[in-house]
Protein backbone atom coordinates (compact mmCIF):
# COMPACT_ATOMS: atom_id res chain seq x y z
CA MET A 1 -10.76 -60.37 -23.61
CA TRP A 2 -13.79 -61.84 -25.32
CA ASN A 3 -14.72 -62.08 -28.99
CA VAL A 4 -18.13 -62.45 -30.60
CA VAL A 5 -19.12 -65.16 -33.06
CA TYR A 6 -22.19 -64.76 -35.28
CA THR A 7 -23.90 -68.08 -36.02
CA ASN A 8 -26.44 -69.40 -38.49
CA ALA A 9 -30.04 -69.41 -37.28
CA ASN A 10 -30.70 -72.03 -34.58
CA HIS A 11 -27.08 -73.24 -34.57
CA ASP A 12 -26.02 -71.57 -31.31
CA ALA A 13 -25.84 -74.77 -29.25
CA GLN A 14 -24.05 -76.72 -32.00
CA VAL A 15 -21.41 -74.01 -32.48
CA ALA A 16 -20.94 -73.60 -28.71
CA LYS A 17 -20.29 -77.33 -28.35
CA PHE A 18 -17.81 -77.36 -31.24
CA LEU A 19 -15.88 -74.33 -29.94
CA THR A 20 -15.72 -75.91 -26.48
CA LEU A 21 -14.04 -78.93 -28.09
CA LEU A 22 -11.36 -76.52 -29.35
CA ASP A 23 -10.63 -75.60 -25.69
CA LEU A 24 -12.18 -72.16 -26.04
CA GLU A 25 -14.31 -70.72 -23.25
CA VAL A 26 -17.81 -70.11 -24.64
CA PHE A 27 -20.50 -67.97 -23.06
CA ALA A 28 -23.97 -68.32 -24.56
CA PRO A 29 -26.25 -66.30 -22.28
CA ARG A 30 -29.76 -67.66 -21.77
CA PHE A 31 -32.77 -66.49 -19.84
CA ALA A 32 -34.04 -68.78 -17.10
CA PRO A 33 -37.24 -70.69 -17.89
CA LYS A 34 -40.44 -68.88 -17.02
CA ALA A 35 -41.56 -69.36 -13.44
CA ARG A 36 -44.74 -71.20 -14.33
CA THR A 37 -43.07 -73.68 -16.67
CA ARG A 38 -43.54 -77.33 -15.81
CA PRO A 39 -40.21 -79.23 -15.66
CA GLY A 40 -39.76 -81.42 -18.73
CA SER A 41 -42.40 -79.61 -20.77
CA VAL A 42 -41.77 -78.33 -24.29
CA ARG A 43 -41.37 -74.78 -22.98
CA ASP A 44 -38.88 -75.99 -20.37
CA ARG A 45 -36.67 -77.59 -23.03
CA ARG A 46 -36.76 -74.58 -25.35
CA GLN A 47 -33.63 -72.42 -25.25
CA ARG A 48 -34.31 -68.77 -24.48
CA TRP A 49 -31.16 -67.07 -25.80
CA VAL A 50 -30.43 -63.51 -24.69
CA PHE A 51 -28.65 -62.77 -27.98
CA PRO A 52 -29.91 -65.32 -30.53
CA GLY A 53 -27.24 -66.02 -33.11
CA TYR A 54 -24.35 -64.60 -31.07
CA LEU A 55 -21.83 -66.40 -28.85
CA PHE A 56 -19.06 -64.91 -26.76
CA ILE A 57 -15.73 -66.73 -26.83
CA ARG A 58 -12.57 -66.20 -24.81
CA VAL A 59 -9.46 -67.27 -26.66
CA PRO A 60 -6.11 -67.94 -25.01
CA PRO A 61 -3.27 -65.43 -25.48
CA ARG A 62 -1.45 -65.70 -28.82
CA PHE A 63 -4.33 -67.72 -30.30
CA ASP A 64 -3.57 -68.23 -33.99
CA ARG A 65 -6.15 -70.77 -35.13
CA TRP A 66 -8.90 -68.33 -36.12
CA ASP A 67 -9.47 -70.45 -39.22
CA LEU A 68 -10.88 -73.23 -37.03
CA VAL A 69 -13.36 -70.79 -35.51
CA GLN A 70 -14.24 -69.08 -38.80
CA TRP A 71 -14.91 -72.34 -40.62
CA ALA A 72 -16.60 -74.17 -37.76
CA PRO A 73 -19.94 -75.71 -38.78
CA GLY A 74 -22.71 -73.17 -38.21
CA VAL A 75 -20.47 -70.08 -37.91
CA ARG A 76 -21.31 -67.18 -40.21
CA ARG A 77 -18.47 -64.92 -39.17
CA ILE A 78 -16.41 -63.54 -36.34
CA LEU A 79 -17.36 -59.95 -35.60
CA SER A 80 -14.42 -57.78 -36.55
CA THR A 81 -13.22 -54.20 -36.69
CA ASP A 82 -10.71 -53.10 -39.33
CA GLY A 83 -9.89 -56.69 -40.25
CA SER A 84 -9.16 -57.98 -36.74
CA ALA A 85 -11.52 -59.70 -34.34
CA SER A 86 -13.50 -57.24 -32.20
CA THR A 87 -13.04 -57.62 -28.46
CA LEU A 88 -15.14 -57.11 -25.36
CA ALA A 89 -13.68 -56.45 -21.94
CA ASP A 90 -14.03 -59.10 -19.25
CA ASP A 91 -16.11 -56.77 -17.05
CA VAL A 92 -18.82 -56.52 -19.74
CA ILE A 93 -19.31 -60.29 -19.74
CA GLU A 94 -19.08 -60.44 -15.94
CA ARG A 95 -21.78 -57.76 -15.63
CA LEU A 96 -23.98 -59.71 -18.05
CA ARG A 97 -23.51 -62.89 -16.01
CA LEU A 98 -24.46 -61.08 -12.81
CA ARG A 99 -27.60 -59.61 -14.40
CA LEU A 100 -28.72 -63.02 -15.67
CA ALA A 101 -28.00 -64.74 -12.34
CA GLY A 102 -30.26 -62.35 -10.41
CA PRO A 103 -34.04 -62.44 -10.41
CA MET A 104 -35.74 -60.96 -13.45
CA PRO A 105 -37.77 -57.87 -12.64
CA ALA A 106 -41.48 -58.55 -12.52
CA ARG A 107 -43.34 -57.14 -15.46
CA ARG A 108 -45.93 -54.69 -14.27
CA ARG A 109 -49.07 -54.35 -16.24
CA PRO A 110 -51.74 -51.80 -15.72
CA ARG A 111 -54.84 -52.92 -13.90
CA PHE A 112 -58.08 -52.44 -15.74
CA ARG A 113 -61.59 -52.58 -14.35
CA PRO A 114 -64.46 -54.42 -16.05
CA GLY A 115 -66.21 -52.20 -18.58
CA GLN A 116 -63.21 -49.87 -19.04
CA PRO A 117 -62.53 -48.84 -22.68
CA VAL A 118 -59.08 -50.00 -23.87
CA VAL A 119 -57.07 -49.91 -27.10
CA ILE A 120 -55.07 -52.86 -28.45
CA GLU A 121 -51.63 -51.52 -29.43
CA ARG A 122 -50.02 -54.43 -31.32
CA GLY A 123 -50.92 -57.61 -33.13
CA PRO A 124 -53.65 -58.40 -35.67
CA LEU A 125 -56.17 -56.27 -33.78
CA ALA A 126 -53.84 -53.27 -33.48
CA MET A 127 -55.58 -49.96 -32.81
CA VAL A 128 -58.96 -51.63 -32.33
CA ASP A 129 -61.12 -50.24 -29.53
CA ALA A 130 -62.23 -52.81 -27.01
CA ILE A 131 -63.88 -53.11 -23.61
CA PHE A 132 -61.98 -54.80 -20.79
CA GLU A 133 -63.98 -57.75 -19.49
CA LYS A 134 -61.85 -59.77 -17.03
CA ASP A 135 -58.45 -61.15 -16.03
CA LEU A 136 -57.88 -64.75 -17.06
CA ASN A 137 -56.29 -67.51 -14.99
CA THR A 138 -52.79 -66.72 -16.20
CA SER A 139 -51.05 -63.60 -14.97
CA GLU A 140 -50.45 -62.23 -18.48
CA ARG A 141 -53.71 -62.82 -20.36
CA VAL A 142 -56.99 -60.92 -20.19
CA GLN A 143 -60.31 -61.08 -21.96
CA VAL A 144 -61.66 -58.07 -23.82
CA LEU A 145 -64.78 -57.53 -25.91
CA VAL A 146 -64.12 -56.42 -29.48
CA ARG A 147 -66.84 -55.21 -31.81
CA LEU A 148 -66.49 -57.08 -35.11
CA LEU A 149 -69.04 -57.68 -37.84
CA GLY A 150 -71.75 -55.91 -35.89
CA ARG A 151 -71.47 -57.87 -32.66
CA SER A 152 -69.25 -57.98 -29.57
CA MET A 153 -66.86 -60.92 -29.46
CA PRO A 154 -64.71 -62.00 -26.50
CA VAL A 155 -60.98 -62.16 -27.30
CA ALA A 156 -58.19 -63.40 -25.02
CA ILE A 157 -54.99 -61.35 -25.46
CA ASP A 158 -51.76 -60.42 -23.73
CA ALA A 159 -52.40 -57.65 -21.20
CA ALA A 160 -49.10 -55.99 -22.06
CA ILE A 161 -50.43 -54.81 -25.44
CA LEU A 162 -53.40 -52.95 -23.93
CA ARG A 163 -53.60 -49.32 -22.94
CA PRO A 164 -56.48 -47.30 -21.56
CA ALA A 165 -58.52 -45.56 -24.26
CA GLY A 166 -58.61 -41.79 -24.39
């Protein structure tokens, strides 16, 4: 059985290392680096946690040193139900490991044609009407024309936040 530890912001790696020193099995699920990330780059070194702030720990049977876990540096609390540590079945963690080991599904984005009216759904330009202009060199960014201050301005944005107008 597994338990869940809630950590302070950005302390996941520190807490995982400390709990490993206590001979506890720690599972801190992370996404793989993006496919187009250059090895050694800043984006490559950045941790992409699946559940930021949460670690899964497996404790041995008859474990009685919960105080060491509770008061470990960077731990906020152990998730609990009715005063005892909440548990997760082994098959839940195994399923999570299998999902993370497999390839991530490709994100499909709608294809737009130049001149097509679109609406920006999120971000600082949310709900602004725009005209699709072109795909950019990256697979996720596009250029649209937005009418601001009486003139059309090109804006590069994430294609996932666009939808066809109308």
